[in-house]
Amino acid sequence: MNKYVFIYPHEKMCHITYCLQIISYFRFYFKTSLMITPIAIKVLSQDSIGKRKLKPHQIYYLLEGFEINDDGHMYIQPYRLGTDILYQDYFSDTQTPHISISAIVGENGSGKSSLVEFYMRLINNFAATTIGEYEANPSAQHLHYINNIEGELYYLIDKTPYRLQVRSRNVILKNYSPTGNKNQSGCEEFMLDNTSSIFDNKMSMLM
């Protein structure tokens, strides 16, 4: 039996609940029950709403085994492509329970909440774009765009990396394709598809 333990400050649990609700929209759009594996996030502007303690143009990795370059290349350790692994199983002995832990850890004020909340905002705008700004059901929180947020979310579904770029109400989704090459560390090379987008709502940014 796998047990997933997410360690967050108690006062942030309401935000995590909302984040999980938004991820359900994310999975609805892709019509998949596969695990969505978050890779990294990046703030694109110094003036972006919600960046708080995050530095612009710096990639914040949520998992090891990935390398993202500004030239459109991504390198992935082969074990990450074997299955979408969100966690590390530290108890591999078959005689013991399978206990897996995923956590964001750091000193007070180091930016843990900033990472989670920026991640939520990016998914929120993607959900608002694809589902719409309306009340999905009486128990669900009403979706609204968050204006003036600028960032990127990188994630993996079924061995395919994606980049979700959000600039206020303009949302663009692209995928990476394998090149068949490896770098010196043995990582698989992927290239961002700049010729087309999976999704582009083509909406002008609200100033």
Protein backbone atom coordinates (compact mmCIF):
# COMPACT_ATOMS: atom_id res chain seq x y z
CA MET A 1 0.00 0.00 0.00
CA ASN A 2 1.35 3.41 -0.96
CA LYS A 3 0.88 6.33 1.40
CA TYR A 4 1.47 9.82 0.07
CA VAL A 5 2.39 12.29 2.77
CA PHE A 6 2.46 15.96 1.76
CA ILE A 7 4.03 18.21 4.37
CA TYR A 8 2.77 21.80 4.33
CA PRO A 9 2.02 24.41 7.00
CA HIS A 10 -1.46 23.90 8.45
CA GLU A 11 -2.68 27.35 7.42
CA LYS A 12 -1.98 26.51 3.77
CA MET A 13 -4.21 23.45 3.63
CA CYS A 14 -7.16 25.43 2.23
CA HIS A 15 -4.90 26.56 -0.61
CA ILE A 16 -3.78 22.98 -1.27
CA THR A 17 -7.41 21.84 -1.43
CA TYR A 18 -8.12 24.52 -4.03
CA CYS A 19 -4.99 23.51 -5.96
CA LEU A 20 -6.17 19.90 -6.12
CA GLN A 21 -9.53 21.10 -7.41
CA ILE A 22 -7.80 23.03 -10.19
CA ILE A 23 -5.63 20.02 -11.07
CA SER A 24 -8.84 18.04 -11.57
CA TYR A 25 -9.72 20.54 -14.33
CA PHE A 26 -6.22 20.03 -15.71
CA ARG A 27 -6.76 16.27 -15.94
CA PHE A 28 -10.25 16.81 -17.41
CA TYR A 29 -8.78 18.86 -20.28
CA PHE A 30 -6.28 16.13 -21.17
CA LYS A 31 -8.92 13.39 -20.67
CA THR A 32 -6.35 11.35 -18.77
CA SER A 33 -6.15 9.43 -15.53
CA LEU A 34 -2.36 9.34 -15.79
CA MET A 35 -0.23 11.01 -13.17
CA ILE A 36 0.72 14.60 -13.90
CA THR A 37 4.33 14.89 -12.76
CA PRO A 38 5.40 18.49 -12.04
CA ILE A 39 8.96 19.23 -13.14
CA ALA A 40 9.63 22.92 -12.57
CA ILE A 41 8.22 26.44 -12.54
CA LYS A 42 9.66 29.75 -13.70
CA VAL A 43 8.62 33.37 -13.19
CA LEU A 44 8.87 35.34 -16.45
CA SER A 45 8.70 38.90 -15.18
CA GLN A 46 9.85 40.99 -12.25
CA ASP A 47 6.36 42.53 -12.21
CA SER A 48 4.46 39.23 -12.20
CA ILE A 49 1.63 38.94 -9.71
CA GLY A 50 2.17 36.25 -7.08
CA LYS A 51 5.91 35.79 -7.48
CA ARG A 52 6.55 36.96 -3.92
CA LYS A 53 10.02 35.60 -3.04
CA LEU A 54 10.64 33.86 -6.36
CA LYS A 55 13.30 35.35 -8.63
CA PRO A 56 12.35 36.04 -12.26
CA HIS A 57 13.88 33.86 -15.00
CA GLN A 58 15.18 31.32 -12.49
CA ILE A 59 14.01 27.73 -12.90
CA TYR A 60 12.77 26.16 -9.68
CA TYR A 61 12.95 22.38 -10.00
CA LEU A 62 10.34 20.36 -8.15
CA LEU A 63 12.05 17.05 -8.93
CA GLU A 64 15.59 15.94 -9.63
CA GLY A 65 16.55 14.21 -12.87
CA PHE A 66 15.60 17.08 -15.20
CA GLU A 67 17.54 19.90 -16.87
CA ILE A 68 15.77 22.68 -18.78
CA ASN A 69 17.68 25.07 -21.03
CA ASP A 70 16.61 28.43 -22.43
CA ASP A 71 17.35 27.24 -25.98
CA GLY A 72 14.37 24.85 -25.92
CA HIS A 73 16.25 21.72 -24.90
CA MET A 74 15.28 19.51 -21.97
CA TYR A 75 17.36 16.62 -20.66
CA ILE A 76 15.77 13.85 -18.62
CA GLN A 77 17.37 11.02 -16.66
CA PRO A 78 16.20 7.66 -18.11
CA TYR A 79 14.70 6.49 -14.79
CA ARG A 80 12.26 9.41 -14.91
CA LEU A 81 10.90 8.08 -18.21
CA GLY A 82 10.42 4.54 -16.95
CA THR A 83 7.27 5.69 -15.17
CA ASP A 84 5.92 9.04 -14.08
CA ILE A 85 7.50 9.15 -10.62
CA LEU A 86 6.23 11.90 -8.37
CA TYR A 87 7.90 10.52 -5.30
CA GLN A 88 10.87 8.40 -4.18
CA ASP A 89 10.11 5.01 -2.60
CA TYR A 90 12.57 4.80 0.27
CA PHE A 91 11.17 1.47 1.50
CA SER A 92 11.79 -0.98 -1.34
CA ASP A 93 11.87 -4.07 0.90
CA THR A 94 8.84 -6.17 -0.08
CA GLN A 95 8.34 -7.14 3.57
CA THR A 96 7.74 -3.56 4.66
CA PRO A 97 4.93 -1.09 3.81
CA HIS A 98 5.60 1.17 0.83
CA ILE A 99 5.80 4.62 2.34
CA SER A 100 6.54 7.49 0.00
CA ILE A 101 7.04 11.10 1.01
CA SER A 102 6.85 14.23 -1.13
CA ALA A 103 7.61 17.52 0.58
CA ILE A 104 8.81 21.05 0.05
CA VAL A 105 11.21 21.82 2.85
CA GLY A 106 13.20 24.90 3.80
CA GLU A 107 13.76 27.52 6.44
CA ASN A 108 11.08 29.99 7.42
CA GLY A 109 10.79 32.62 4.73
CA SER A 110 12.74 30.62 2.13
CA GLY A 111 9.87 30.61 -0.39
CA LYS A 112 8.01 27.31 0.14
CA SER A 113 4.59 28.96 0.08
CA SER A 114 5.64 31.14 -2.85
CA LEU A 115 6.36 28.04 -4.94
CA VAL A 116 3.04 26.38 -4.13
CA GLU A 117 0.95 29.49 -4.65
CA PHE A 118 2.60 30.44 -7.96
CA TYR A 119 2.09 26.86 -9.16
CA MET A 120 -1.61 27.17 -8.25
CA ARG A 121 -1.99 30.47 -10.11
CA LEU A 122 -0.55 29.08 -13.35
CA ILE A 123 -2.90 26.09 -13.30
CA ASN A 124 -5.79 28.37 -12.34
CA ASN A 125 -5.43 30.47 -15.50
CA PHE A 126 -5.14 27.39 -17.68
CA ALA A 127 -8.33 26.03 -16.12
CA ALA A 128 -10.13 29.37 -16.52
CA THR A 129 -9.10 29.42 -20.18
CA THR A 130 -10.22 25.90 -21.03
CA ILE A 131 -13.21 25.47 -18.70
CA GLY A 132 -14.35 29.08 -18.48
CA GLU A 133 -15.10 31.58 -15.74
CA TYR A 134 -18.19 30.02 -14.27
CA GLU A 135 -19.30 27.98 -11.28
CA ALA A 136 -18.70 24.34 -12.15
CA ASN A 137 -20.89 23.09 -9.28
CA PRO A 138 -22.27 24.56 -6.04
CA SER A 139 -19.45 23.12 -3.93
CA ALA A 140 -16.63 24.24 -6.23
CA GLN A 141 -14.87 27.56 -5.96
CA HIS A 142 -15.69 29.91 -8.85
CA LEU A 143 -12.89 30.10 -11.40
CA HIS A 144 -11.52 33.54 -12.19
CA TYR A 145 -8.53 34.68 -14.23
CA ILE A 146 -5.60 36.06 -12.30
CA ASN A 147 -4.41 39.04 -14.32
CA ASN A 148 -0.77 40.05 -14.70
CA ILE A 149 0.72 36.70 -13.74
CA GLU A 150 3.63 35.68 -15.99
CA GLY A 151 5.23 32.29 -15.63
CA GLU A 152 5.82 28.80 -16.94
CA LEU A 153 5.00 25.36 -15.59
CA TYR A 154 6.87 22.31 -16.84
CA TYR A 155 5.38 18.86 -16.29
CA LEU A 156 5.39 15.28 -17.57
CA ILE A 157 2.50 13.08 -18.71
CA ASP A 158 3.06 9.57 -20.09
CA LYS A 159 6.78 10.22 -20.80
CA THR A 160 6.02 13.43 -22.71
CA PRO A 161 7.23 16.77 -21.27
CA TYR A 162 5.07 19.88 -21.64
CA ARG A 163 5.52 23.60 -21.10
CA LEU A 164 2.54 25.67 -20.01
CA GLN A 165 3.22 29.39 -20.49
CA VAL A 166 0.88 31.91 -18.88
CA ARG A 167 1.01 35.65 -19.54
CA SER A 168 -2.07 37.04 -17.82
CA ARG A 169 -4.98 35.74 -19.93
CA ASN A 170 -2.78 34.52 -22.76
CA VAL A 171 -2.13 30.79 -22.26
CA ILE A 172 0.06 28.69 -24.56
CA LEU A 173 0.74 24.97 -24.18
CA LYS A 174 3.56 23.26 -26.07
CA ASN A 175 5.12 19.81 -25.89
CA TYR A 176 8.68 18.54 -26.14
CA SER A 177 9.67 15.80 -28.59
CA PRO A 178 12.52 13.30 -28.19
CA THR A 179 15.50 13.88 -30.49
CA GLY A 180 16.98 10.42 -30.00
CA ASN A 181 20.18 11.95 -28.63
CA LYS A 182 21.75 11.83 -25.18
CA ASN A 183 24.09 14.21 -23.40
CA GLN A 184 27.35 13.23 -21.72
CA SER A 185 25.50 12.29 -18.55
CA GLY A 186 23.28 9.84 -20.42
CA CYS A 187 20.17 11.99 -20.18
CA GLU A 188 17.59 11.73 -22.94
CA GLU A 189 17.35 14.91 -25.05
CA PHE A 190 14.01 16.55 -25.84
CA MET A 191 13.31 19.63 -27.96
CA LEU A 192 10.47 22.12 -27.55
CA ASP A 193 8.12 22.16 -30.54
CA ASN A 194 8.23 25.80 -31.68
CA THR A 195 6.32 25.21 -34.92
CA SER A 196 2.91 24.64 -33.35
CA SER A 197 1.06 24.75 -30.05
CA ILE A 198 -1.24 22.20 -28.47
CA PHE A 199 -3.26 25.07 -27.10
CA ASP A 200 -3.14 28.84 -27.63
CA ASN A 201 -6.14 30.92 -26.65
CA LYS A 202 -4.75 33.93 -28.58
CA MET A 203 -6.18 36.39 -26.06
CA SER A 204 -4.54 39.76 -25.59
CA MET A 205 -3.02 40.46 -22.22
CA LEU A 206 -5.03 42.76 -20.01
CA MET A 207 -2.95 45.69 -18.95
